Amino acid sequence: MEKTEPDIVKAAISGNRDAFSELVKRYSGPMSALAYDRLGNVADAQDAVQEAFLVAFKKRASLREAEKFGSWLYEILRNACAQRMRAWGIDSRAVDVLKDKQAGEQPLTPLDHAVATERSHQLRKAVERLSPPLREIVVLRYLGGAGRQEAAAMLDISLAAADKRLERALSELRESLK
């Protein structure tokens, strides 16, 4: 029988390093996407994620509800990113949210490149205009690869609320990209 996430979290809280490693594997993608959304730079995002996991490991005994692990971890990451941004003296709205996920791969023609760059720029600007709750769900689902339930848990909202936010975000993006 496969262990549930709360079982894995409970094992990690009690000091099982393999269980904690499993949680790191599960959350690395979404956490990296969220850190990148906040910091706008891969190296800093990786550092913030690593810092968040380290803090989570050290403070694991303070987690009272295993079911809240995702949102607890996300809050630690938010704090790690905010701390970095304060040190840089920048506002989170100034962060470039979306980068071309295929950086380094050049389109076949200069026209293809120009069109792709313009579309990417338009999408990036549209996502930046979303309210933070809508932007977070888009980043989690489409950049972080989080599933519906995982995204809802990380944001500490119901699955229905996550679906509604995503629906609203996509609607706003469609409207702004017309």
N, C-alpha and C. Protein backbone atom coordinates (compact mmCIF):
# COMPACT_ATOMS: atom_id res chain seq x y z
N MET A 1 0.84 -1.18 0.00
CA MET A 1 0.00 0.00 0.00
C MET A 1 0.88 1.25 0.00
N GLU A 2 0.60 2.17 -0.92
CA GLU A 2 1.37 3.39 -1.04
C GLU A 2 0.99 4.37 0.07
N LYS A 3 2.00 5.01 0.64
CA LYS A 3 1.76 5.96 1.72
C LYS A 3 1.14 7.24 1.17
N THR A 4 0.25 7.82 1.94
CA THR A 4 -0.35 9.10 1.57
C THR A 4 0.63 10.21 1.93
N GLU A 5 0.40 11.38 1.36
CA GLU A 5 1.29 12.49 1.68
C GLU A 5 1.32 12.81 3.17
N PRO A 6 0.16 12.85 3.86
CA PRO A 6 0.23 13.10 5.30
C PRO A 6 1.08 12.06 6.04
N ASP A 7 1.04 10.80 5.60
CA ASP A 7 1.88 9.77 6.22
C ASP A 7 3.36 10.07 6.00
N ILE A 8 3.69 10.50 4.77
CA ILE A 8 5.07 10.85 4.45
C ILE A 8 5.52 12.06 5.28
N VAL A 9 4.64 13.04 5.40
CA VAL A 9 4.95 14.24 6.19
C VAL A 9 5.18 13.86 7.65
N LYS A 10 4.32 13.01 8.19
CA LYS A 10 4.48 12.59 9.59
C LYS A 10 5.81 11.87 9.79
N ALA A 11 6.18 11.04 8.83
CA ALA A 11 7.47 10.34 8.92
C ALA A 11 8.61 11.35 8.86
N ALA A 12 8.49 12.35 7.99
CA ALA A 12 9.53 13.38 7.86
C ALA A 12 9.64 14.19 9.16
N ILE A 13 8.51 14.51 9.75
CA ILE A 13 8.50 15.27 11.01
C ILE A 13 9.23 14.49 12.11
N SER A 14 9.06 13.19 12.09
CA SER A 14 9.71 12.37 13.12
C SER A 14 11.19 12.13 12.82
N GLY A 15 11.70 12.70 11.72
CA GLY A 15 13.13 12.62 11.45
C GLY A 15 13.53 11.68 10.33
N ASN A 16 12.59 11.08 9.65
CA ASN A 16 12.90 10.16 8.55
C ASN A 16 13.38 10.98 7.36
N ARG A 17 14.67 10.91 7.08
CA ARG A 17 15.26 11.70 5.99
C ARG A 17 14.78 11.25 4.62
N ASP A 18 14.52 9.96 4.45
CA ASP A 18 14.00 9.47 3.17
C ASP A 18 12.61 10.06 2.88
N ALA A 19 11.81 10.16 3.92
CA ALA A 19 10.48 10.75 3.76
C ALA A 19 10.61 12.23 3.39
N PHE A 20 11.52 12.92 4.05
CA PHE A 20 11.71 14.33 3.72
C PHE A 20 12.22 14.47 2.28
N SER A 21 13.11 13.58 1.87
CA SER A 21 13.60 13.60 0.48
C SER A 21 12.47 13.41 -0.51
N GLU A 22 11.53 12.56 -0.17
CA GLU A 22 10.36 12.35 -1.04
C GLU A 22 9.55 13.64 -1.16
N LEU A 23 9.40 14.36 -0.08
CA LEU A 23 8.67 15.63 -0.11
C LEU A 23 9.43 16.66 -0.95
N VAL A 24 10.74 16.67 -0.84
CA VAL A 24 11.55 17.59 -1.65
C VAL A 24 11.32 17.28 -3.12
N LYS A 25 11.32 16.01 -3.50
CA LYS A 25 11.08 15.62 -4.90
C LYS A 25 9.70 16.09 -5.36
N ARG A 26 8.70 15.91 -4.52
CA ARG A 26 7.33 16.27 -4.90
C ARG A 26 7.14 17.78 -5.06
N TYR A 27 7.80 18.54 -4.23
CA TYR A 27 7.55 19.99 -4.19
C TYR A 27 8.59 20.83 -4.91
N SER A 28 9.68 20.25 -5.35
CA SER A 28 10.75 21.05 -5.98
C SER A 28 10.28 21.83 -7.20
N GLY A 29 9.53 21.20 -8.08
CA GLY A 29 9.07 21.87 -9.29
C GLY A 29 8.17 23.07 -9.01
N PRO A 30 7.08 22.86 -8.27
CA PRO A 30 6.21 24.00 -7.96
C PRO A 30 6.92 25.08 -7.15
N MET A 31 7.76 24.68 -6.22
CA MET A 31 8.48 25.66 -5.41
C MET A 31 9.44 26.48 -6.27
N SER A 32 10.11 25.83 -7.19
CA SER A 32 11.04 26.53 -8.08
C SER A 32 10.30 27.54 -8.94
N ALA A 33 9.14 27.14 -9.45
CA ALA A 33 8.35 28.05 -10.28
C ALA A 33 7.89 29.26 -9.47
N LEU A 34 7.45 29.02 -8.25
CA LEU A 34 7.00 30.13 -7.41
C LEU A 34 8.16 31.06 -7.04
N ALA A 35 9.31 30.49 -6.74
CA ALA A 35 10.47 31.32 -6.40
C ALA A 35 10.91 32.11 -7.62
N TYR A 36 10.88 31.48 -8.78
CA TYR A 36 11.24 32.20 -10.01
C TYR A 36 10.26 33.33 -10.27
N ASP A 37 8.98 33.07 -10.02
CA ASP A 37 7.96 34.11 -10.18
C ASP A 37 8.28 35.30 -9.30
N ARG A 38 8.72 35.05 -8.11
CA ARG A 38 9.02 36.13 -7.18
C ARG A 38 10.36 36.82 -7.47
N LEU A 39 11.37 36.02 -7.83
CA LEU A 39 12.73 36.56 -7.92
C LEU A 39 13.21 36.85 -9.33
N GLY A 40 12.61 36.21 -10.33
CA GLY A 40 12.93 36.51 -11.72
C GLY A 40 14.28 36.02 -12.20
N ASN A 41 14.88 35.08 -11.49
CA ASN A 41 16.22 34.65 -11.83
C ASN A 41 16.38 33.22 -11.32
N VAL A 42 16.83 32.34 -12.18
CA VAL A 42 16.91 30.91 -11.86
C VAL A 42 17.83 30.63 -10.68
N ALA A 43 19.01 31.22 -10.67
CA ALA A 43 19.98 30.94 -9.60
C ALA A 43 19.43 31.37 -8.24
N ASP A 44 18.85 32.57 -8.18
CA ASP A 44 18.30 33.04 -6.91
C ASP A 44 17.09 32.21 -6.51
N ALA A 45 16.29 31.80 -7.48
CA ALA A 45 15.13 30.95 -7.18
C ALA A 45 15.59 29.62 -6.58
N GLN A 46 16.61 29.02 -7.18
CA GLN A 46 17.13 27.75 -6.65
C GLN A 46 17.66 27.93 -5.23
N ASP A 47 18.35 29.03 -4.99
CA ASP A 47 18.86 29.30 -3.64
C ASP A 47 17.72 29.46 -2.64
N ALA A 48 16.68 30.18 -3.03
CA ALA A 48 15.54 30.40 -2.14
C ALA A 48 14.82 29.08 -1.84
N VAL A 49 14.67 28.24 -2.85
CA VAL A 49 14.01 26.94 -2.66
C VAL A 49 14.84 26.09 -1.71
N GLN A 50 16.14 26.06 -1.94
CA GLN A 50 17.02 25.28 -1.07
C GLN A 50 16.94 25.80 0.37
N GLU A 51 16.95 27.11 0.50
CA GLU A 51 16.84 27.72 1.83
C GLU A 51 15.51 27.35 2.49
N ALA A 52 14.42 27.38 1.71
CA ALA A 52 13.11 27.05 2.26
C ALA A 52 13.06 25.60 2.72
N PHE A 53 13.62 24.69 1.94
CA PHE A 53 13.64 23.29 2.35
C PHE A 53 14.49 23.10 3.60
N LEU A 54 15.59 23.82 3.69
CA LEU A 54 16.45 23.72 4.87
C LEU A 54 15.72 24.22 6.11
N VAL A 55 15.05 25.36 5.99
CA VAL A 55 14.27 25.90 7.11
C VAL A 55 13.16 24.92 7.48
N ALA A 56 12.48 24.38 6.47
CA ALA A 56 11.40 23.42 6.73
C ALA A 56 11.93 22.20 7.47
N PHE A 57 13.09 21.72 7.06
CA PHE A 57 13.65 20.55 7.74
C PHE A 57 13.97 20.89 9.19
N LYS A 58 14.59 22.04 9.41
CA LYS A 58 14.96 22.42 10.77
C LYS A 58 13.74 22.66 11.65
N LYS A 59 12.67 23.19 11.06
CA LYS A 59 11.48 23.55 11.84
C LYS A 59 10.34 22.54 11.67
N ARG A 60 10.64 21.36 11.15
CA ARG A 60 9.59 20.37 10.84
C ARG A 60 8.74 20.02 12.04
N ALA A 61 9.32 20.04 13.23
CA ALA A 61 8.57 19.68 14.43
C ALA A 61 7.49 20.71 14.76
N SER A 62 7.61 21.92 14.20
CA SER A 62 6.60 22.95 14.47
C SER A 62 5.33 22.78 13.63
N LEU A 63 5.38 21.93 12.63
CA LEU A 63 4.20 21.68 11.79
C LEU A 63 3.23 20.79 12.56
N ARG A 64 2.07 21.29 12.85
CA ARG A 64 1.09 20.57 13.67
C ARG A 64 0.14 19.70 12.85
N GLU A 65 -0.16 20.13 11.64
CA GLU A 65 -1.11 19.38 10.79
C GLU A 65 -0.41 18.94 9.52
N ALA A 66 -0.20 17.65 9.37
CA ALA A 66 0.50 17.12 8.21
C ALA A 66 -0.19 17.51 6.90
N GLU A 67 -1.51 17.66 6.94
CA GLU A 67 -2.27 18.01 5.75
C GLU A 67 -1.95 19.41 5.25
N LYS A 68 -1.37 20.23 6.10
CA LYS A 68 -1.05 21.62 5.76
C LYS A 68 0.40 21.79 5.30
N PHE A 69 1.10 20.69 5.06
CA PHE A 69 2.51 20.78 4.70
C PHE A 69 2.75 21.70 3.51
N GLY A 70 1.99 21.54 2.43
CA GLY A 70 2.20 22.34 1.22
C GLY A 70 2.08 23.82 1.47
N SER A 71 1.03 24.23 2.17
CA SER A 71 0.85 25.67 2.41
C SER A 71 1.89 26.18 3.42
N TRP A 72 2.27 25.35 4.38
CA TRP A 72 3.32 25.71 5.34
C TRP A 72 4.65 25.92 4.63
N LEU A 73 4.99 25.00 3.75
CA LEU A 73 6.23 25.09 2.99
C LEU A 73 6.22 26.31 2.06
N TYR A 74 5.08 26.54 1.42
CA TYR A 74 4.95 27.70 0.54
C TYR A 74 5.15 29.00 1.32
N GLU A 75 4.64 29.07 2.52
CA GLU A 75 4.80 30.27 3.34
C GLU A 75 6.28 30.48 3.70
N ILE A 76 6.98 29.40 3.97
CA ILE A 76 8.43 29.50 4.24
C ILE A 76 9.14 30.04 3.01
N LEU A 77 8.74 29.54 1.83
CA LEU A 77 9.35 30.01 0.58
C LEU A 77 9.04 31.49 0.35
N ARG A 78 7.80 31.89 0.57
CA ARG A 78 7.44 33.30 0.42
C ARG A 78 8.34 34.18 1.28
N ASN A 79 8.55 33.75 2.51
CA ASN A 79 9.39 34.52 3.42
C ASN A 79 10.83 34.57 2.93
N ALA A 80 11.34 33.45 2.44
CA ALA A 80 12.72 33.41 1.92
C ALA A 80 12.87 34.36 0.74
N CYS A 81 11.88 34.36 -0.15
CA CYS A 81 11.93 35.25 -1.32
C CYS A 81 11.79 36.71 -0.89
N ALA A 82 10.88 36.97 0.01
CA ALA A 82 10.67 38.35 0.47
C ALA A 82 11.93 38.89 1.13
N GLN A 83 12.60 38.05 1.90
CA GLN A 83 13.84 38.46 2.56
C GLN A 83 14.90 38.84 1.53
N ARG A 84 15.03 38.05 0.47
CA ARG A 84 15.99 38.35 -0.59
C ARG A 84 15.63 39.66 -1.29
N MET A 85 14.35 39.82 -1.58
CA MET A 85 13.91 41.01 -2.30
C MET A 85 14.10 42.27 -1.46
N ARG A 86 13.83 42.17 -0.17
CA ARG A 86 14.07 43.33 0.71
C ARG A 86 15.55 43.70 0.70
N ALA A 87 16.41 42.69 0.72
CA ALA A 87 17.85 42.96 0.69
C ALA A 87 18.25 43.65 -0.61
N TRP A 88 17.55 43.34 -1.70
CA TRP A 88 17.83 43.97 -3.00
C TRP A 88 17.16 45.32 -3.14
N GLY A 89 16.18 45.62 -2.25
CA GLY A 89 15.44 46.86 -2.32
C GLY A 89 14.48 46.92 -3.49
N ILE A 90 13.88 45.76 -3.85
CA ILE A 90 12.92 45.76 -4.95
C ILE A 90 11.56 45.26 -4.51
N ASP A 91 10.57 45.60 -5.29
CA ASP A 91 9.18 45.23 -5.08
C ASP A 91 8.89 43.97 -5.90
N SER A 92 8.11 43.07 -5.35
CA SER A 92 7.81 41.82 -6.06
C SER A 92 7.10 42.06 -7.39
N ARG A 93 6.42 43.17 -7.56
CA ARG A 93 5.74 43.45 -8.83
C ARG A 93 6.74 43.73 -9.94
N ALA A 94 7.98 44.05 -9.58
CA ALA A 94 8.99 44.37 -10.58
C ALA A 94 9.61 43.10 -11.18
N VAL A 95 9.26 41.95 -10.62
CA VAL A 95 9.85 40.69 -11.09
C VAL A 95 9.24 40.26 -12.41
N ASP A 96 10.06 39.83 -13.30
CA ASP A 96 9.61 39.32 -14.59
C ASP A 96 9.05 37.91 -14.37
N VAL A 97 7.73 37.71 -14.54
CA VAL A 97 7.07 36.47 -14.16
C VAL A 97 7.37 35.31 -15.10
N LEU A 98 7.20 35.54 -16.37
CA LEU A 98 7.37 34.43 -17.31
C LEU A 98 8.61 34.63 -18.17
N LYS A 99 9.41 33.64 -18.28
CA LYS A 99 10.54 33.63 -19.21
C LYS A 99 10.23 32.56 -20.24
N ASP A 100 10.81 32.70 -21.38
CA ASP A 100 10.62 31.67 -22.39
C ASP A 100 11.19 30.38 -21.83
N LYS A 101 10.32 29.37 -21.65
CA LYS A 101 10.75 28.12 -21.02
C LYS A 101 11.78 27.39 -21.88
N GLN A 102 11.92 27.79 -23.09
CA GLN A 102 12.86 27.10 -23.96
C GLN A 102 14.02 28.02 -24.31
N ALA A 103 14.48 28.74 -23.31
CA ALA A 103 15.59 29.66 -23.52
C ALA A 103 16.78 28.91 -24.12
N GLY A 104 17.40 29.54 -25.06
CA GLY A 104 18.55 28.91 -25.71
C GLY A 104 18.18 28.20 -27.00
N GLU A 105 16.90 27.84 -27.16
CA GLU A 105 16.47 27.20 -28.41
C GLU A 105 15.99 28.30 -29.35
N GLN A 106 16.62 28.46 -30.47
CA GLN A 106 16.26 29.50 -31.41
C GLN A 106 15.21 28.98 -32.39
N PRO A 107 14.15 29.78 -32.64
CA PRO A 107 13.20 29.41 -33.68
C PRO A 107 13.91 29.33 -35.03
N LEU A 108 13.26 28.73 -35.99
CA LEU A 108 13.89 28.46 -37.28
C LEU A 108 14.22 29.71 -38.09
N THR A 109 13.37 30.73 -38.03
CA THR A 109 13.61 31.92 -38.83
C THR A 109 13.57 33.17 -37.95
N PRO A 110 14.12 34.27 -38.44
CA PRO A 110 14.03 35.52 -37.67
C PRO A 110 12.58 35.94 -37.44
N LEU A 111 11.70 35.70 -38.42
CA LEU A 111 10.28 36.03 -38.25
C LEU A 111 9.67 35.19 -37.14
N ASP A 112 9.98 33.88 -37.13
CA ASP A 112 9.48 33.01 -36.06
C ASP A 112 9.95 33.53 -34.70
N HIS A 113 11.20 33.93 -34.65
CA HIS A 113 11.76 34.45 -33.40
C HIS A 113 11.03 35.73 -32.97
N ALA A 114 10.80 36.64 -33.90
CA ALA A 114 10.12 37.90 -33.59
C ALA A 114 8.70 37.65 -33.10
N VAL A 115 7.98 36.76 -33.77
CA VAL A 115 6.60 36.44 -33.38
C VAL A 115 6.58 35.79 -32.00
N ALA A 116 7.48 34.83 -31.77
CA ALA A 116 7.53 34.15 -30.48
C ALA A 116 7.90 35.12 -29.36
N THR A 117 8.83 36.01 -29.63
CA THR A 117 9.25 36.98 -28.63
C THR A 117 8.11 37.93 -28.30
N GLU A 118 7.39 38.39 -29.31
CA GLU A 118 6.26 39.29 -29.08
C GLU A 118 5.16 38.60 -28.30
N ARG A 119 4.84 37.36 -28.67
CA ARG A 119 3.80 36.61 -27.93
C ARG A 119 4.22 36.39 -26.49
N SER A 120 5.47 36.02 -26.29
CA SER A 120 5.99 35.79 -24.93
C SER A 120 5.90 37.08 -24.12
N HIS A 121 6.28 38.20 -24.74
CA HIS A 121 6.23 39.50 -24.06
C HIS A 121 4.78 39.85 -23.69
N GLN A 122 3.86 39.66 -24.62
CA GLN A 122 2.45 39.95 -24.36
C GLN A 122 1.91 39.09 -23.23
N LEU A 123 2.23 37.80 -23.26
CA LEU A 123 1.77 36.90 -22.21
C LEU A 123 2.38 37.27 -20.87
N ARG A 124 3.67 37.57 -20.86
CA ARG A 124 4.36 37.96 -19.63
C ARG A 124 3.68 39.19 -19.03
N LYS A 125 3.40 40.18 -19.86
CA LYS A 125 2.75 41.40 -19.37
C LYS A 125 1.34 41.10 -18.86
N ALA A 126 0.61 40.25 -19.57
CA ALA A 126 -0.75 39.90 -19.16
C ALA A 126 -0.74 39.18 -17.81
N VAL A 127 0.21 38.27 -17.61
CA VAL A 127 0.30 37.56 -16.34
C VAL A 127 0.69 38.53 -15.23
N GLU A 128 1.57 39.47 -15.50
CA GLU A 128 1.97 40.46 -14.50
C GLU A 128 0.80 41.31 -14.04
N ARG A 129 -0.17 41.53 -14.93
CA ARG A 129 -1.33 42.36 -14.58
C ARG A 129 -2.36 41.61 -13.73
N LEU A 130 -2.25 40.30 -13.66
CA LEU A 130 -3.18 39.54 -12.83
C LEU A 130 -2.96 39.88 -11.36
N SER A 131 -4.03 39.78 -10.59
CA SER A 131 -3.87 39.98 -9.14
C SER A 131 -2.98 38.86 -8.60
N PRO A 132 -2.30 39.09 -7.47
CA PRO A 132 -1.41 38.05 -6.93
C PRO A 132 -2.05 36.67 -6.78
N PRO A 133 -3.29 36.56 -6.26
CA PRO A 133 -3.86 35.21 -6.14
C PRO A 133 -4.05 34.51 -7.49
N LEU A 134 -4.42 35.26 -8.51
CA LEU A 134 -4.60 34.67 -9.84
C LEU A 134 -3.25 34.34 -10.47
N ARG A 135 -2.28 35.23 -10.28
CA ARG A 135 -0.95 34.99 -10.83
C ARG A 135 -0.33 33.74 -10.20
N GLU A 136 -0.51 33.56 -8.89
CA GLU A 136 0.06 32.41 -8.20
C GLU A 136 -0.48 31.09 -8.75
N ILE A 137 -1.78 31.02 -8.99
CA ILE A 137 -2.35 29.76 -9.48
C ILE A 137 -1.84 29.47 -10.89
N VAL A 138 -1.71 30.49 -11.71
CA VAL A 138 -1.18 30.30 -13.07
C VAL A 138 0.27 29.82 -13.01
N VAL A 139 1.07 30.44 -12.18
CA VAL A 139 2.47 30.05 -12.06
C VAL A 139 2.59 28.61 -11.53
N LEU A 140 1.83 28.29 -10.51
CA LEU A 140 1.88 26.93 -9.97
C LEU A 140 1.49 25.88 -11.00
N ARG A 141 0.39 26.11 -11.67
CA ARG A 141 -0.15 25.10 -12.60
C ARG A 141 0.67 25.00 -13.88
N TYR A 142 1.03 26.13 -14.48
CA TYR A 142 1.64 26.09 -15.81
C TYR A 142 3.15 26.18 -15.83
N LEU A 143 3.75 26.79 -14.84
CA LEU A 143 5.20 26.82 -14.78
C LEU A 143 5.74 25.80 -13.79
N GLY A 144 5.04 25.62 -12.70
CA GLY A 144 5.50 24.70 -11.67
C GLY A 144 5.07 23.28 -11.88
N GLY A 145 4.11 23.06 -12.78
CA GLY A 145 3.66 21.71 -13.06
C GLY A 145 2.86 21.09 -11.93
N ALA A 146 2.35 21.90 -11.03
CA ALA A 146 1.57 21.37 -9.91
C ALA A 146 0.21 20.89 -10.42
N GLY A 147 -0.26 19.82 -9.84
CA GLY A 147 -1.60 19.34 -10.13
C GLY A 147 -2.63 20.21 -9.44
N ARG A 148 -3.89 19.99 -9.76
CA ARG A 148 -4.96 20.81 -9.18
C ARG A 148 -4.96 20.73 -7.65
N GLN A 149 -4.92 19.53 -7.12
CA GLN A 149 -4.97 19.36 -5.66
C GLN A 149 -3.71 19.90 -5.00
N GLU A 150 -2.57 19.66 -5.62
CA GLU A 150 -1.30 20.14 -5.08
C GLU A 150 -1.28 21.67 -5.02
N ALA A 151 -1.74 22.32 -6.09
CA ALA A 151 -1.78 23.79 -6.11
C ALA A 151 -2.72 24.31 -5.03
N ALA A 152 -3.89 23.68 -4.91
CA ALA A 152 -4.85 24.10 -3.89
C ALA A 152 -4.24 23.96 -2.49
N ALA A 153 -3.56 22.85 -2.25
CA ALA A 153 -2.94 22.64 -0.93
C ALA A 153 -1.86 23.66 -0.66
N MET A 154 -1.05 23.96 -1.66
CA MET A 154 0.04 24.93 -1.45
C MET A 154 -0.50 26.33 -1.17
N LEU A 155 -1.63 26.65 -1.77
CA LEU A 155 -2.22 27.97 -1.55
C LEU A 155 -3.18 27.99 -0.37
N ASP A 156 -3.38 26.80 0.23
CA ASP A 156 -4.27 26.64 1.38
C ASP A 156 -5.70 27.08 1.06
N ILE A 157 -6.18 26.63 -0.10
CA ILE A 157 -7.55 26.90 -0.51
C ILE A 157 -8.18 25.59 -0.97
N SER A 158 -9.48 25.59 -1.09
CA SER A 158 -10.17 24.37 -1.53
C SER A 158 -9.90 24.12 -3.01
N LEU A 159 -10.12 22.89 -3.43
CA LEU A 159 -9.95 22.55 -4.83
C LEU A 159 -10.90 23.38 -5.70
N ALA A 160 -12.12 23.55 -5.23
CA ALA A 160 -13.10 24.36 -5.98
C ALA A 160 -12.62 25.80 -6.12
N ALA A 161 -12.05 26.35 -5.05
CA ALA A 161 -11.54 27.73 -5.10
C ALA A 161 -10.36 27.83 -6.06
N ALA A 162 -9.48 26.82 -6.05
CA ALA A 162 -8.34 26.82 -6.97
C ALA A 162 -8.82 26.76 -8.41
N ASP A 163 -9.80 25.88 -8.68
CA ASP A 163 -10.34 25.78 -10.04
C ASP A 163 -10.98 27.09 -10.47
N LYS A 164 -11.68 27.73 -9.56
CA LYS A 164 -12.34 29.00 -9.87
C LYS A 164 -11.31 30.08 -10.15
N ARG A 165 -10.26 30.13 -9.35
CA ARG A 165 -9.19 31.12 -9.57
C ARG A 165 -8.54 30.91 -10.93
N LEU A 166 -8.26 29.65 -11.24
CA LEU A 166 -7.61 29.36 -12.51
C LEU A 166 -8.53 29.73 -13.67
N GLU A 167 -9.80 29.40 -13.54
CA GLU A 167 -10.78 29.75 -14.58
C GLU A 167 -10.83 31.27 -14.77
N ARG A 168 -10.86 31.99 -13.67
CA ARG A 168 -10.90 33.46 -13.73
C ARG A 168 -9.61 34.02 -14.33
N ALA A 169 -8.46 33.46 -13.93
CA ALA A 169 -7.17 33.91 -14.46
C ALA A 169 -7.10 33.70 -15.97
N LEU A 170 -7.50 32.51 -16.41
CA LEU A 170 -7.44 32.23 -17.85
C LEU A 170 -8.40 33.12 -18.63
N SER A 171 -9.55 33.39 -18.04
CA SER A 171 -10.51 34.30 -18.69
C SER A 171 -9.91 35.70 -18.83
N GLU A 172 -9.29 36.18 -17.75
CA GLU A 172 -8.66 37.50 -17.81
C GLU A 172 -7.52 37.53 -18.82
N LEU A 173 -6.75 36.46 -18.87
CA LEU A 173 -5.63 36.39 -19.84
C LEU A 173 -6.17 36.40 -21.27
N ARG A 174 -7.22 35.63 -21.52
CA ARG A 174 -7.81 35.61 -22.87
C ARG A 174 -8.28 37.01 -23.26
N GLU A 175 -8.95 37.69 -22.34
CA GLU A 175 -9.45 39.04 -22.62
C GLU A 175 -8.31 40.01 -22.90
N SER A 176 -7.26 39.95 -22.09
CA SER A 176 -6.18 40.92 -22.27
C SER A 176 -5.31 40.61 -23.49
N LEU A 177 -5.39 39.39 -24.00
CA LEU A 177 -4.58 39.02 -25.17
C LEU A 177 -5.35 39.12 -26.49
N LYS A 178 -6.61 39.57 -26.43
CA LYS A 178 -7.41 39.70 -27.66
C LYS A 178 -6.81 40.74 -28.57
